[in-house]
Amino acid sequence: MGGLIIGATVPNLEIETTNEAFKLHDYFNNGWTIIFSHPFDFTLVCTTELGKMSAYLPEFEKRGVKLLGFSCDEYSHARSESKTLKPTQ
């Protein structure tokens, strides 16, 4: 079976994000992380999903859970979108 399943060990990939670059295992730091994806940037689903995850972030943080969202778009495209998102989205 391909892909990731709950409880699987994620490969220690080096990731470039809109905030910084890091290796996945360093980010996870032996804790819980929710990895989620969204469709293409600048879509209604994308901004709604990112906004909801952002709104729930304090609850996840209380429980020591990190969030990691990703898109299938190129880094430069995602970078431009991150500047247009409003805190209420």
PDB file of N, CA and C in Angstrom:
ATOM      1  N   MET A   1       0.846  -1.182   0.000  1.00  0.00           N
ATOM      2  CA  MET A   1       0.000   0.000   0.000  1.00  0.00           C
ATOM      3  C   MET A   1       0.887   1.239   0.000  1.00  0.00           C
ATOM      4  N   GLY A   2       0.671   2.142  -0.927  1.00  0.00           N
ATOM      5  CA  GLY A   2       1.467   3.359  -1.022  1.00  0.00           C
ATOM      6  C   GLY A   2       0.892   4.483  -0.180  1.00  0.00           C
ATOM      7  N   GLY A   3       1.660   5.542  -0.033  1.00  0.00           N
ATOM      8  CA  GLY A   3       1.185   6.719   0.688  1.00  0.00           C
ATOM      9  C   GLY A   3       1.395   6.606   2.181  1.00  0.00           C
ATOM     10  N   LEU A   4       0.873   7.582   2.877  1.00  0.00           N
ATOM     11  CA  LEU A   4       0.989   7.611   4.343  1.00  0.00           C
ATOM     12  C   LEU A   4      -0.280   7.066   4.976  1.00  0.00           C
ATOM     13  N   ILE A   5      -0.108   6.359   6.057  1.00  0.00           N
ATOM     14  CA  ILE A   5      -1.242   5.902   6.847  1.00  0.00           C
ATOM     15  C   ILE A   5      -1.021   6.367   8.278  1.00  0.00           C
ATOM     16  N   ILE A   6      -2.072   6.417   9.057  1.00  0.00           N
ATOM     17  CA  ILE A   6      -1.970   6.846  10.452  1.00  0.00           C
ATOM     18  C   ILE A   6      -0.969   5.964  11.185  1.00  0.00           C
ATOM     19  N   GLY A   7      -0.054   6.594  11.881  1.00  0.00           N
ATOM     20  CA  GLY A   7       0.945   5.873  12.646  1.00  0.00           C
ATOM     21  C   GLY A   7       2.210   5.552  11.875  1.00  0.00           C
ATOM     22  N   ALA A   8       2.226   5.831  10.570  1.00  0.00           N
ATOM     23  CA  ALA A   8       3.407   5.544   9.755  1.00  0.00           C
ATOM     24  C   ALA A   8       4.512   6.551  10.065  1.00  0.00           C
ATOM     25  N   THR A   9       5.745   6.145   9.853  1.00  0.00           N
ATOM     26  CA  THR A   9       6.875   7.054   9.992  1.00  0.00           C
ATOM     27  C   THR A   9       7.044   7.803   8.679  1.00  0.00           C
ATOM     28  N   VAL A  10       7.009   9.116   8.762  1.00  0.00           N
ATOM     29  CA  VAL A  10       7.154   9.973   7.591  1.00  0.00           C
ATOM     30  C   VAL A  10       8.637  10.074   7.244  1.00  0.00           C
ATOM     31  N   PRO A  11       8.995  10.019   5.961  1.00  0.00           N
ATOM     32  CA  PRO A  11      10.403  10.201   5.589  1.00  0.00           C
ATOM     33  C   PRO A  11      10.921  11.558   6.073  1.00  0.00           C
ATOM     34  N   ASN A  12      12.179  11.624   6.402  1.00  0.00           N
ATOM     35  CA  ASN A  12      12.775  12.859   6.925  1.00  0.00           C
ATOM     36  C   ASN A  12      13.166  13.783   5.768  1.00  0.00           C
ATOM     37  N   LEU A  13      12.163  14.293   5.080  1.00  0.00           N
ATOM     38  CA  LEU A  13      12.394  15.159   3.927  1.00  0.00           C
ATOM     39  C   LEU A  13      12.805  16.551   4.361  1.00  0.00           C
ATOM     40  N   GLU A  14      13.584  17.223   3.521  1.00  0.00           N
ATOM     41  CA  GLU A  14      13.894  18.628   3.762  1.00  0.00           C
ATOM     42  C   GLU A  14      12.824  19.449   3.050  1.00  0.00           C
ATOM     43  N   ILE A  15      12.192  20.332   3.800  1.00  0.00           N
ATOM     44  CA  ILE A  15      11.039  21.080   3.318  1.00  0.00           C
ATOM     45  C   ILE A  15      11.364  22.567   3.261  1.00  0.00           C
ATOM     46  N   GLU A  16      10.934  23.227   2.200  1.00  0.00           N
ATOM     47  CA  GLU A  16      11.027  24.681   2.113  1.00  0.00           C
ATOM     48  C   GLU A  16       9.608  25.221   2.209  1.00  0.00           C
ATOM     49  N   THR A  17       9.361  26.053   3.214  1.00  0.00           N
ATOM     50  CA  THR A  17       8.027  26.590   3.431  1.00  0.00           C
ATOM     51  C   THR A  17       8.025  28.097   3.211  1.00  0.00           C
ATOM     52  N   THR A  18       6.846  28.684   3.352  1.00  0.00           N
ATOM     53  CA  THR A  18       6.737  30.136   3.232  1.00  0.00           C
ATOM     54  C   THR A  18       7.366  30.835   4.425  1.00  0.00           C
ATOM     55  N   ASN A  19       7.681  30.098   5.491  1.00  0.00           N
ATOM     56  CA  ASN A  19       8.304  30.688   6.683  1.00  0.00           C
ATOM     57  C   ASN A  19       9.781  30.340   6.832  1.00  0.00           C
ATOM     58  N   GLU A  20      10.137  29.096   6.525  1.00  0.00           N
ATOM     59  CA  GLU A  20      11.510  28.644   6.747  1.00  0.00           C
ATOM     60  C   GLU A  20      11.735  27.301   6.066  1.00  0.00           C
ATOM     61  N   ALA A  21      12.968  26.844   6.087  1.00  0.00           N
ATOM     62  CA  ALA A  21      13.302  25.504   5.594  1.00  0.00           C
ATOM     63  C   ALA A  21      13.675  24.638   6.797  1.00  0.00           C
ATOM     64  N   PHE A  22      13.292  23.357   6.757  1.00  0.00           N
ATOM     65  CA  PHE A  22      13.592  22.456   7.869  1.00  0.00           C
ATOM     66  C   PHE A  22      13.452  21.013   7.428  1.00  0.00           C
ATOM     67  N   LYS A  23      13.942  20.100   8.246  1.00  0.00           N
ATOM     68  CA  LYS A  23      13.741  18.666   8.030  1.00  0.00           C
ATOM     69  C   LYS A  23      12.514  18.251   8.847  1.00  0.00           C
ATOM     70  N   LEU A  24      11.714  17.390   8.265  1.00  0.00           N
ATOM     71  CA  LEU A  24      10.456  17.013   8.907  1.00  0.00           C
ATOM     72  C   LEU A  24      10.634  16.485  10.323  1.00  0.00           C
ATOM     73  N   HIS A  25      11.576  15.586  10.539  1.00  0.00           N
ATOM     74  CA  HIS A  25      11.725  15.002  11.875  1.00  0.00           C
ATOM     75  C   HIS A  25      12.119  16.047  12.908  1.00  0.00           C
ATOM     76  N   ASP A  26      12.866  17.084  12.484  1.00  0.00           N
ATOM     77  CA  ASP A  26      13.182  18.174  13.410  1.00  0.00           C
ATOM     78  C   ASP A  26      11.915  18.932  13.789  1.00  0.00           C
ATOM     79  N   TYR A  27      11.032  19.119  12.828  1.00  0.00           N
ATOM     80  CA  TYR A  27       9.767  19.819  13.092  1.00  0.00           C
ATOM     81  C   TYR A  27       8.872  18.992  14.013  1.00  0.00           C
ATOM     82  N   PHE A  28       8.778  17.698  13.741  1.00  0.00           N
ATOM     83  CA  PHE A  28       7.926  16.829  14.559  1.00  0.00           C
ATOM     84  C   PHE A  28       8.440  16.738  15.989  1.00  0.00           C
ATOM     85  N   ASN A  29       9.762  16.653  16.145  1.00  0.00           N
ATOM     86  CA  ASN A  29      10.398  16.611  17.465  1.00  0.00           C
ATOM     87  C   ASN A  29       9.771  15.563  18.376  1.00  0.00           C
ATOM     88  N   ASN A  30       9.521  14.368  17.840  1.00  0.00           N
ATOM     89  CA  ASN A  30       8.937  13.255  18.597  1.00  0.00           C
ATOM     90  C   ASN A  30       7.579  13.582  19.203  1.00  0.00           C
ATOM     91  N   GLY A  31       6.854  14.508  18.600  1.00  0.00           N
ATOM     92  CA  GLY A  31       5.519  14.862  19.081  1.00  0.00           C
ATOM     93  C   GLY A  31       4.482  14.572  18.007  1.00  0.00           C
ATOM     94  N   TRP A  32       3.258  14.956  18.293  1.00  0.00           N
ATOM     95  CA  TRP A  32       2.167  14.758  17.346  1.00  0.00           C
ATOM     96  C   TRP A  32       2.124  15.918  16.365  1.00  0.00           C
ATOM     97  N   THR A  33       1.914  15.591  15.100  1.00  0.00           N
ATOM     98  CA  THR A  33       1.763  16.594  14.048  1.00  0.00           C
ATOM     99  C   THR A  33       0.636  16.158  13.131  1.00  0.00           C
ATOM    100  N   ILE A  34      -0.250  17.091  12.821  1.00  0.00           N
ATOM    101  CA  ILE A  34      -1.299  16.831  11.834  1.00  0.00           C
ATOM    102  C   ILE A  34      -0.803  17.384  10.510  1.00  0.00           C
ATOM    103  N   ILE A  35      -0.675  16.503   9.539  1.00  0.00           N
ATOM    104  CA  ILE A  35      -0.261  16.892   8.200  1.00  0.00           C
ATOM    105  C   ILE A  35      -1.522  16.945   7.342  1.00  0.00           C
ATOM    106  N   PHE A  36      -1.760  18.098   6.743  1.00  0.00           N
ATOM    107  CA  PHE A  36      -2.942  18.225   5.896  1.00  0.00           C
ATOM    108  C   PHE A  36      -2.557  18.906   4.594  1.00  0.00           C
ATOM    109  N   SER A  37      -3.315  18.630   3.572  1.00  0.00           N
ATOM    110  CA  SER A  37      -3.058  19.264   2.284  1.00  0.00           C
ATOM    111  C   SER A  37      -4.304  20.016   1.853  1.00  0.00           C
ATOM    112  N   HIS A  38      -4.097  20.914   0.950  1.00  0.00           N
ATOM    113  CA  HIS A  38      -5.221  21.628   0.364  1.00  0.00           C
ATOM    114  C   HIS A  38      -5.013  21.677  -1.138  1.00  0.00           C
ATOM    115  N   PRO A  39      -6.091  21.891  -1.879  1.00  0.00           N
ATOM    116  CA  PRO A  39      -5.937  21.945  -3.336  1.00  0.00           C
ATOM    117  C   PRO A  39      -5.168  23.208  -3.741  1.00  0.00           C
ATOM    118  N   PHE A  40      -5.180  23.496  -4.949  1.00  0.00           N
ATOM    119  CA  PHE A  40      -4.415  24.617  -5.488  1.00  0.00           C
ATOM    120  C   PHE A  40      -4.614  25.904  -4.697  1.00  0.00           C
ATOM    121  N   ASP A  41      -3.547  26.695  -4.614  1.00  0.00           N
ATOM    122  CA  ASP A  41      -3.607  27.984  -3.936  1.00  0.00           C
ATOM    123  C   ASP A  41      -4.611  28.909  -4.622  1.00  0.00           C
ATOM    124  N   PHE A  42      -5.074  29.873  -3.868  1.00  0.00           N
ATOM    125  CA  PHE A  42      -6.012  30.896  -4.345  1.00  0.00           C
ATOM    126  C   PHE A  42      -7.371  30.322  -4.728  1.00  0.00           C
ATOM    127  N   THR A  43      -7.782  29.241  -4.101  1.00  0.00           N
ATOM    128  CA  THR A  43      -9.120  28.701  -4.334  1.00  0.00           C
ATOM    129  C   THR A  43      -9.929  28.877  -3.056  1.00  0.00           C
ATOM    130  N   LEU A  44     -11.236  28.820  -3.168  1.00  0.00           N
ATOM    131  CA  LEU A  44     -12.092  28.976  -1.987  1.00  0.00           C
ATOM    132  C   LEU A  44     -11.829  27.893  -0.951  1.00  0.00           C
ATOM    133  N   VAL A  45     -11.639  26.665  -1.418  1.00  0.00           N
ATOM    134  CA  VAL A  45     -11.377  25.575  -0.482  1.00  0.00           C
ATOM    135  C   VAL A  45     -10.065  25.812   0.247  1.00  0.00           C
ATOM    136  N   CYS A  46      -9.073  26.250  -0.475  1.00  0.00           N
ATOM    137  CA  CYS A  46      -7.753  26.489   0.115  1.00  0.00           C
ATOM    138  C   CYS A  46      -7.838  27.497   1.254  1.00  0.00           C
ATOM    139  N   THR A  47      -8.390  28.670   0.984  1.00  0.00           N
ATOM    140  CA  THR A  47      -8.422  29.714   2.011  1.00  0.00           C
ATOM    141  C   THR A  47      -9.336  29.335   3.164  1.00  0.00           C
ATOM    142  N   THR A  48     -10.431  28.628   2.879  1.00  0.00           N
ATOM    143  CA  THR A  48     -11.336  28.185   3.944  1.00  0.00           C
ATOM    144  C   THR A  48     -10.643  27.169   4.837  1.00  0.00           C
ATOM    145  N   GLU A  49      -9.981  26.193   4.235  1.00  0.00           N
ATOM    146  CA  GLU A  49      -9.304  25.155   5.010  1.00  0.00           C
ATOM    147  C   GLU A  49      -8.172  25.738   5.845  1.00  0.00           C
ATOM    148  N   LEU A  50      -7.342  26.563   5.247  1.00  0.00           N
ATOM    149  CA  LEU A  50      -6.245  27.179   5.989  1.00  0.00           C
ATOM    150  C   LEU A  50      -6.774  28.056   7.117  1.00  0.00           C
ATOM    151  N   GLY A  51      -7.850  28.786   6.845  1.00  0.00           N
ATOM    152  CA  GLY A  51      -8.452  29.631   7.879  1.00  0.00           C
ATOM    153  C   GLY A  51      -8.976  28.829   9.052  1.00  0.00           C
ATOM    154  N   LYS A  52      -9.633  27.717   8.778  1.00  0.00           N
ATOM    155  CA  LYS A  52     -10.159  26.863   9.857  1.00  0.00           C
ATOM    156  C   LYS A  52      -9.034  26.253  10.685  1.00  0.00           C
ATOM    157  N   MET A  53      -8.011  25.765  10.012  1.00  0.00           N
ATOM    158  CA  MET A  53      -6.888  25.181  10.753  1.00  0.00           C
ATOM    159  C   MET A  53      -6.222  26.255  11.612  1.00  0.00           C
ATOM    160  N   SER A  54      -6.102  27.447  11.073  1.00  0.00           N
ATOM    161  CA  SER A  54      -5.518  28.559  11.826  1.00  0.00           C
ATOM    162  C   SER A  54      -6.383  28.912  13.031  1.00  0.00           C
ATOM    163  N   ALA A  55      -7.703  28.903  12.860  1.00  0.00           N
ATOM    164  CA  ALA A  55      -8.609  29.220  13.960  1.00  0.00           C
ATOM    165  C   ALA A  55      -8.514  28.199  15.091  1.00  0.00           C
ATOM    166  N   TYR A  56      -8.275  26.940  14.748  1.00  0.00           N
ATOM    167  CA  TYR A  56      -8.179  25.883  15.754  1.00  0.00           C
ATOM    168  C   TYR A  56      -6.767  25.712  16.315  1.00  0.00           C
ATOM    169  N   LEU A  57      -5.797  26.443  15.769  1.00  0.00           N
ATOM    170  CA  LEU A  57      -4.407  26.291  16.193  1.00  0.00           C
ATOM    171  C   LEU A  57      -4.223  26.407  17.707  1.00  0.00           C
ATOM    172  N   PRO A  58      -4.848  27.376  18.387  1.00  0.00           N
ATOM    173  CA  PRO A  58      -4.667  27.444  19.844  1.00  0.00           C
ATOM    174  C   PRO A  58      -5.093  26.162  20.571  1.00  0.00           C
ATOM    175  N   GLU A  59      -6.134  25.511  20.105  1.00  0.00           N
ATOM    176  CA  GLU A  59      -6.580  24.257  20.722  1.00  0.00           C
ATOM    177  C   GLU A  59      -5.574  23.140  20.490  1.00  0.00           C
ATOM    178  N   PHE A  60      -5.037  23.084  19.279  1.00  0.00           N
ATOM    179  CA  PHE A  60      -4.000  22.087  19.005  1.00  0.00           C
ATOM    180  C   PHE A  60      -2.764  22.358  19.850  1.00  0.00           C
ATOM    181  N   GLU A  61      -2.363  23.620  19.951  1.00  0.00           N
ATOM    182  CA  GLU A  61      -1.170  23.975  20.728  1.00  0.00           C
ATOM    183  C   GLU A  61      -1.331  23.613  22.207  1.00  0.00           C
ATOM    184  N   LYS A  62      -2.531  23.785  22.757  1.00  0.00           N
ATOM    185  CA  LYS A  62      -2.797  23.395  24.152  1.00  0.00           C
ATOM    186  C   LYS A  62      -2.494  21.914  24.374  1.00  0.00           C
ATOM    187  N   ARG A  63      -2.669  21.131  23.330  1.00  0.00           N
ATOM    188  CA  ARG A  63      -2.476  19.680  23.413  1.00  0.00           C
ATOM    189  C   ARG A  63      -1.101  19.239  22.894  1.00  0.00           C
ATOM    190  N   GLY A  64      -0.254  20.218  22.568  1.00  0.00           N
ATOM    191  CA  GLY A  64       1.085  19.893  22.089  1.00  0.00           C
ATOM    192  C   GLY A  64       1.119  19.332  20.679  1.00  0.00           C
ATOM    193  N   VAL A  65       0.115  19.667  19.875  1.00  0.00           N
ATOM    194  CA  VAL A  65       0.021  19.159  18.511  1.00  0.00           C
ATOM    195  C   VAL A  65       0.400  20.268  17.535  1.00  0.00           C
ATOM    196  N   LYS A  66       1.275  19.949  16.589  1.00  0.00           N
ATOM    197  CA  LYS A  66       1.670  20.905  15.560  1.00  0.00           C
ATOM    198  C   LYS A  66       0.861  20.647  14.292  1.00  0.00           C
ATOM    199  N   LEU A  67       0.737  21.680  13.469  1.00  0.00           N
ATOM    200  CA  LEU A  67       0.067  21.558  12.181  1.00  0.00           C
ATOM    201  C   LEU A  67       1.084  21.774  11.074  1.00  0.00           C
ATOM    202  N   LEU A  68       0.918  21.034   9.990  1.00  0.00           N
ATOM    203  CA  LEU A  68       1.767  21.207   8.824  1.00  0.00           C
ATOM    204  C   LEU A  68       0.890  21.051   7.589  1.00  0.00           C
ATOM    205  N   GLY A  69       0.616  22.171   6.924  1.00  0.00           N
ATOM    206  CA  GLY A  69      -0.203  22.147   5.719  1.00  0.00           C
ATOM    207  C   GLY A  69       0.668  22.263   4.487  1.00  0.00           C
ATOM    208  N   PHE A  70       0.254  21.605   3.420  1.00  0.00           N
ATOM    209  CA  PHE A  70       1.021  21.703   2.186  1.00  0.00           C
ATOM    210  C   PHE A  70       0.093  21.764   0.988  1.00  0.00           C
ATOM    211  N   SER A  71       0.652  22.230  -0.102  1.00  0.00           N
ATOM    212  CA  SER A  71      -0.075  22.404  -1.346  1.00  0.00           C
ATOM    213  C   SER A  71       0.702  21.734  -2.470  1.00  0.00           C
ATOM    214  N   CYS A  72       0.023  21.462  -3.550  1.00  0.00           N
ATOM    215  CA  CYS A  72       0.700  20.901  -4.715  1.00  0.00           C
ATOM    216  C   CYS A  72       1.310  22.003  -5.577  1.00  0.00           C
ATOM    217  N   ASP A  73       1.067  23.261  -5.222  1.00  0.00           N
ATOM    218  CA  ASP A  73       1.622  24.380  -5.982  1.00  0.00           C
ATOM    219  C   ASP A  73       3.095  24.591  -5.682  1.00  0.00           C
ATOM    220  N   GLU A  74       3.759  25.296  -6.562  1.00  0.00           N
ATOM    221  CA  GLU A  74       5.168  25.610  -6.368  1.00  0.00           C
ATOM    222  C   GLU A  74       5.335  26.580  -5.207  1.00  0.00           C
ATOM    223  N   TYR A  75       6.518  26.560  -4.614  1.00  0.00           N
ATOM    224  CA  TYR A  75       6.834  27.408  -3.466  1.00  0.00           C
ATOM    225  C   TYR A  75       6.555  28.876  -3.762  1.00  0.00           C
ATOM    226  N   SER A  76       6.993  29.387  -4.920  1.00  0.00           N
ATOM    227  CA  SER A  76       6.824  30.812  -5.230  1.00  0.00           C
ATOM    228  C   SER A  76       5.357  31.200  -5.298  1.00  0.00           C
ATOM    229  N   HIS A  77       4.517  30.296  -5.782  1.00  0.00           N
ATOM    230  CA  HIS A  77       3.079  30.560  -5.859  1.00  0.00           C
ATOM    231  C   HIS A  77       2.481  30.588  -4.461  1.00  0.00           C
ATOM    232  N   ALA A  78       2.841  29.636  -3.621  1.00  0.00           N
ATOM    233  CA  ALA A  78       2.336  29.591  -2.244  1.00  0.00           C
ATOM    234  C   ALA A  78       2.809  30.806  -1.460  1.00  0.00           C
ATOM    235  N   ARG A  79       4.027  31.233  -1.708  1.00  0.00           N
ATOM    236  CA  ARG A  79       4.583  32.394  -1.014  1.00  0.00           C
ATOM    237  C   ARG A  79       3.749  33.634  -1.311  1.00  0.00           C
ATOM    238  N   SER A  80       3.342  33.810  -2.556  1.00  0.00           N
ATOM    239  CA  SER A  80       2.544  34.991  -2.895  1.00  0.00           C
ATOM    240  C   SER A  80       1.166  34.912  -2.253  1.00  0.00           C
ATOM    241  N   GLU A  81       0.612  33.704  -2.112  1.00  0.00           N
ATOM    242  CA  GLU A  81      -0.694  33.582  -1.477  1.00  0.00           C
ATOM    243  C   GLU A  81      -0.609  33.880   0.008  1.00  0.00           C
ATOM    244  N   SER A  82       0.453  33.462   0.667  1.00  0.00           N
ATOM    245  CA  SER A  82       0.549  33.655   2.110  1.00  0.00           C
ATOM    246  C   SER A  82       0.515  35.137   2.462  1.00  0.00           C
ATOM    247  N   LYS A  83       0.901  35.999   1.537  1.00  0.00           N
ATOM    248  CA  LYS A  83       0.870  37.431   1.782  1.00  0.00           C
ATOM    249  C   LYS A  83      -0.540  37.996   1.634  1.00  0.00           C
ATOM    250  N   THR A  84      -1.428  37.279   0.949  1.00  0.00           N
ATOM    251  CA  THR A  84      -2.770  37.803   0.704  1.00  0.00           C
ATOM    252  C   THR A  84      -3.801  37.287   1.700  1.00  0.00           C
ATOM    253  N   LEU A  85      -3.482  36.242   2.455  1.00  0.00           N
ATOM    254  CA  LEU A  85      -4.443  35.705   3.430  1.00  0.00           C
ATOM    255  C   LEU A  85      -4.625  36.672   4.588  1.00  0.00           C
ATOM    256  N   LYS A  86      -5.860  36.825   4.997  1.00  0.00           N
ATOM    257  CA  LYS A  86      -6.163  37.688   6.131  1.00  0.00           C
ATOM    258  C   LYS A  86      -6.335  36.830   7.369  1.00  0.00           C
ATOM    259  N   PRO A  87      -6.062  37.373   8.561  1.00  0.00           N
ATOM    260  CA  PRO A  87      -6.178  36.580   9.790  1.00  0.00           C
ATOM    261  C   PRO A  87      -7.562  35.980  10.002  1.00  0.00           C
ATOM    262  N   THR A  88      -8.609  36.578   9.438  1.00  0.00           N
ATOM    263  CA  THR A  88      -9.963  36.072   9.640  1.00  0.00           C
ATOM    264  C   THR A  88     -10.318  34.947   8.704  1.00  0.00           C
ATOM    265  N   GLN A  89      -9.486  34.692   7.693  1.00  0.00           N
ATOM    266  CA  GLN A  89      -9.806  33.623   6.743  1.00  0.00           C
ATOM    267  C   GLN A  89      -9.472  32.288   7.326  1.00  0.00           C
TER     268      GLN A  89
END
